[in-house]
Amino acid sequence: MSSNMNIIVTLCPKSGKADRVVELLQGVAAYVKENEPQTLRYEISRQANKKTGDEEVIMVESYKDKAALNTHGSSETFKKFNKTLEDEGLIGAPAQFKFVRAAGGFSRL
């Protein structure tokens, strides 16, 4: 199995703010694609929370190693993204992070 660092992040935008959060993440994703070759996956998805009905933004991220994750987390683009989330009051609850490792199965990606 791969030794990549895999993370699933759930962001909980305030009601009506999911589009703006996705817009900002698309900008981050464009930066990551061009400037972070050790970031192997950076996917943005959406779903409705079954309990609240509010839309959540789900990130599926894979990094070659911990150094690649640190590079991403310390980039000015990522810091600016987080500041914008705060300044615009876009998030209604703390982000949930799940650091996962492959335990079986396969990927055709």
C-alpha atoms as a PDB file:
ATOM      1  CA  MET A   1       0.000   0.000   0.000  1.00  0.00           C
ATOM      2  CA  SER A   2       1.006   3.589  -0.559  1.00  0.00           C
ATOM      3  CA  SER A   3       2.756   5.631   2.122  1.00  0.00           C
ATOM      4  CA  ASN A   4       1.101   8.855   0.965  1.00  0.00           C
ATOM      5  CA  MET A   5      -0.477  11.197   3.504  1.00  0.00           C
ATOM      6  CA  ASN A   6      -4.224  11.139   2.876  1.00  0.00           C
ATOM      7  CA  ILE A   7      -6.608  13.618   4.460  1.00  0.00           C
ATOM      8  CA  ILE A   8     -10.359  14.071   4.335  1.00  0.00           C
ATOM      9  CA  VAL A   9     -11.423  17.539   5.452  1.00  0.00           C
ATOM     10  CA  THR A  10     -15.026  18.539   6.088  1.00  0.00           C
ATOM     11  CA  LEU A  11     -15.741  22.261   6.019  1.00  0.00           C
ATOM     12  CA  CYS A  12     -19.082  23.509   7.365  1.00  0.00           C
ATOM     13  CA  PRO A  13     -19.938  26.797   5.666  1.00  0.00           C
ATOM     14  CA  LYS A  14     -22.603  29.021   7.139  1.00  0.00           C
ATOM     15  CA  SER A  15     -25.960  28.731   5.403  1.00  0.00           C
ATOM     16  CA  GLY A  16     -25.756  30.146   1.885  1.00  0.00           C
ATOM     17  CA  LYS A  17     -21.954  30.435   1.951  1.00  0.00           C
ATOM     18  CA  ALA A  18     -20.950  27.096   0.351  1.00  0.00           C
ATOM     19  CA  ASP A  19     -20.643  28.603  -3.139  1.00  0.00           C
ATOM     20  CA  ARG A  20     -18.177  31.212  -1.874  1.00  0.00           C
ATOM     21  CA  VAL A  21     -16.137  28.589  -0.011  1.00  0.00           C
ATOM     22  CA  VAL A  22     -15.969  26.432  -3.156  1.00  0.00           C
ATOM     23  CA  GLU A  23     -14.991  29.475  -5.221  1.00  0.00           C
ATOM     24  CA  LEU A  24     -12.098  30.196  -2.860  1.00  0.00           C
ATOM     25  CA  LEU A  25     -11.033  26.545  -2.830  1.00  0.00           C
ATOM     26  CA  GLN A  26     -10.992  26.461  -6.627  1.00  0.00           C
ATOM     27  CA  GLY A  27      -8.431  29.256  -6.516  1.00  0.00           C
ATOM     28  CA  VAL A  28      -6.357  27.327  -3.989  1.00  0.00           C
ATOM     29  CA  ALA A  29      -6.636  24.187  -6.135  1.00  0.00           C
ATOM     30  CA  ALA A  30      -5.354  26.054  -9.199  1.00  0.00           C
ATOM     31  CA  TYR A  31      -2.369  27.280  -7.191  1.00  0.00           C
ATOM     32  CA  VAL A  32      -1.704  23.801  -5.780  1.00  0.00           C
ATOM     33  CA  LYS A  33      -1.835  22.204  -9.237  1.00  0.00           C
ATOM     34  CA  GLU A  34       0.739  24.635 -10.610  1.00  0.00           C
ATOM     35  CA  ASN A  35       3.051  24.986  -7.612  1.00  0.00           C
ATOM     36  CA  GLU A  36       2.868  21.899  -5.391  1.00  0.00           C
ATOM     37  CA  PRO A  37       3.918  18.853  -7.446  1.00  0.00           C
ATOM     38  CA  GLN A  38       4.079  16.707  -4.313  1.00  0.00           C
ATOM     39  CA  THR A  39       0.371  17.302  -3.698  1.00  0.00           C
ATOM     40  CA  LEU A  40      -1.033  14.285  -5.505  1.00  0.00           C
ATOM     41  CA  ARG A  41      -4.765  14.896  -5.064  1.00  0.00           C
ATOM     42  CA  TYR A  42      -6.750  17.986  -4.124  1.00  0.00           C
ATOM     43  CA  GLU A  43     -10.424  17.369  -4.829  1.00  0.00           C
ATOM     44  CA  ILE A  44     -13.393  19.510  -3.822  1.00  0.00           C
ATOM     45  CA  SER A  45     -16.815  17.907  -3.290  1.00  0.00           C
ATOM     46  CA  ARG A  46     -20.114  18.960  -1.756  1.00  0.00           C
ATOM     47  CA  GLN A  47     -22.861  17.202   0.170  1.00  0.00           C
ATOM     48  CA  ALA A  48     -25.871  18.039   2.306  1.00  0.00           C
ATOM     49  CA  ASN A  49     -25.500  17.245   5.995  1.00  0.00           C
ATOM     50  CA  LYS A  50     -28.228  14.694   6.755  1.00  0.00           C
ATOM     51  CA  LYS A  51     -28.857  16.098  10.240  1.00  0.00           C
ATOM     52  CA  THR A  52     -28.893  19.826   9.529  1.00  0.00           C
ATOM     53  CA  GLY A  53     -29.574  20.024   5.792  1.00  0.00           C
ATOM     54  CA  ASP A  54     -26.704  22.495   5.486  1.00  0.00           C
ATOM     55  CA  GLU A  55     -24.240  21.990   2.682  1.00  0.00           C
ATOM     56  CA  GLU A  56     -20.757  20.766   3.588  1.00  0.00           C
ATOM     57  CA  VAL A  57     -17.612  21.037   1.502  1.00  0.00           C
ATOM     58  CA  ILE A  58     -15.495  17.894   1.531  1.00  0.00           C
ATOM     59  CA  MET A  59     -11.834  17.937   0.560  1.00  0.00           C
ATOM     60  CA  VAL A  60      -9.984  14.757  -0.369  1.00  0.00           C
ATOM     61  CA  GLU A  61      -6.266  15.426  -0.321  1.00  0.00           C
ATOM     62  CA  SER A  62      -3.191  13.247  -0.850  1.00  0.00           C
ATOM     63  CA  TYR A  63       0.398  14.297  -0.316  1.00  0.00           C
ATOM     64  CA  LYS A  64       3.562  12.435  -1.234  1.00  0.00           C
ATOM     65  CA  ASP A  65       4.817  12.754   2.333  1.00  0.00           C
ATOM     66  CA  LYS A  66       4.656  14.912   5.445  1.00  0.00           C
ATOM     67  CA  ALA A  67       7.006  17.483   3.919  1.00  0.00           C
ATOM     68  CA  ALA A  68       4.556  17.993   1.046  1.00  0.00           C
ATOM     69  CA  LEU A  69       1.712  18.471   3.525  1.00  0.00           C
ATOM     70  CA  ASN A  70       3.794  21.004   5.451  1.00  0.00           C
ATOM     71  CA  THR A  71       4.611  22.854   2.219  1.00  0.00           C
ATOM     72  CA  HIS A  72       0.913  23.108   1.436  1.00  0.00           C
ATOM     73  CA  GLY A  73      -0.097  24.220   4.915  1.00  0.00           C
ATOM     74  CA  SER A  74       2.575  26.902   5.074  1.00  0.00           C
ATOM     75  CA  SER A  75       1.979  28.401   1.612  1.00  0.00           C
ATOM     76  CA  GLU A  76       0.906  32.033   1.449  1.00  0.00           C
ATOM     77  CA  THR A  77      -2.022  31.012  -0.752  1.00  0.00           C
ATOM     78  CA  PHE A  78      -3.354  28.612   1.888  1.00  0.00           C
ATOM     79  CA  LYS A  79      -2.833  31.169   4.653  1.00  0.00           C
ATOM     80  CA  LYS A  80      -4.706  33.784   2.604  1.00  0.00           C
ATOM     81  CA  PHE A  81      -7.555  31.291   2.048  1.00  0.00           C
ATOM     82  CA  ASN A  82      -7.910  30.712   5.787  1.00  0.00           C
ATOM     83  CA  LYS A  83      -7.793  34.446   6.493  1.00  0.00           C
ATOM     84  CA  THR A  84     -10.520  35.080   3.917  1.00  0.00           C
ATOM     85  CA  LEU A  85     -12.714  32.382   5.490  1.00  0.00           C
ATOM     86  CA  GLU A  86     -12.348  34.196   8.804  1.00  0.00           C
ATOM     87  CA  ASP A  87     -12.629  37.762   7.497  1.00  0.00           C
ATOM     88  CA  GLU A  88     -15.796  36.998   5.507  1.00  0.00           C
ATOM     89  CA  GLY A  89     -17.310  34.869   8.282  1.00  0.00           C
ATOM     90  CA  LEU A  90     -17.891  31.939   5.944  1.00  0.00           C
ATOM     91  CA  ILE A  91     -17.502  28.989   8.306  1.00  0.00           C
ATOM     92  CA  GLY A  92     -20.121  27.983  10.860  1.00  0.00           C
ATOM     93  CA  ALA A  93     -18.253  25.209  12.685  1.00  0.00           C
ATOM     94  CA  PRO A  94     -14.642  24.043  13.051  1.00  0.00           C
ATOM     95  CA  ALA A  95     -13.248  21.974  10.192  1.00  0.00           C
ATOM     96  CA  GLN A  96     -13.050  18.231  10.745  1.00  0.00           C
ATOM     97  CA  PHE A  97      -9.815  16.521   9.698  1.00  0.00           C
ATOM     98  CA  LYS A  98      -9.413  12.785   9.182  1.00  0.00           C
ATOM     99  CA  PHE A  99      -5.899  11.567   8.489  1.00  0.00           C
ATOM    100  CA  VAL A 100      -6.369   8.172   6.860  1.00  0.00           C
ATOM    101  CA  ARG A 101      -4.121   5.491   5.445  1.00  0.00           C
ATOM    102  CA  ALA A 102      -4.940   2.887   2.877  1.00  0.00           C
ATOM    103  CA  ALA A 103      -5.892  -0.459   4.380  1.00  0.00           C
ATOM    104  CA  GLY A 104      -6.859  -2.299   1.211  1.00  0.00           C
ATOM    105  CA  GLY A 105      -8.679  -1.994  -2.059  1.00  0.00           C
ATOM    106  CA  PHE A 106      -7.388  -0.178  -5.112  1.00  0.00           C
ATOM    107  CA  SER A 107      -7.527   3.055  -7.075  1.00  0.00           C
ATOM    108  CA  ARG A 108      -7.536   3.456 -10.828  1.00  0.00           C
ATOM    109  CA  LEU A 109      -6.685   7.149 -10.566  1.00  0.00           C
END
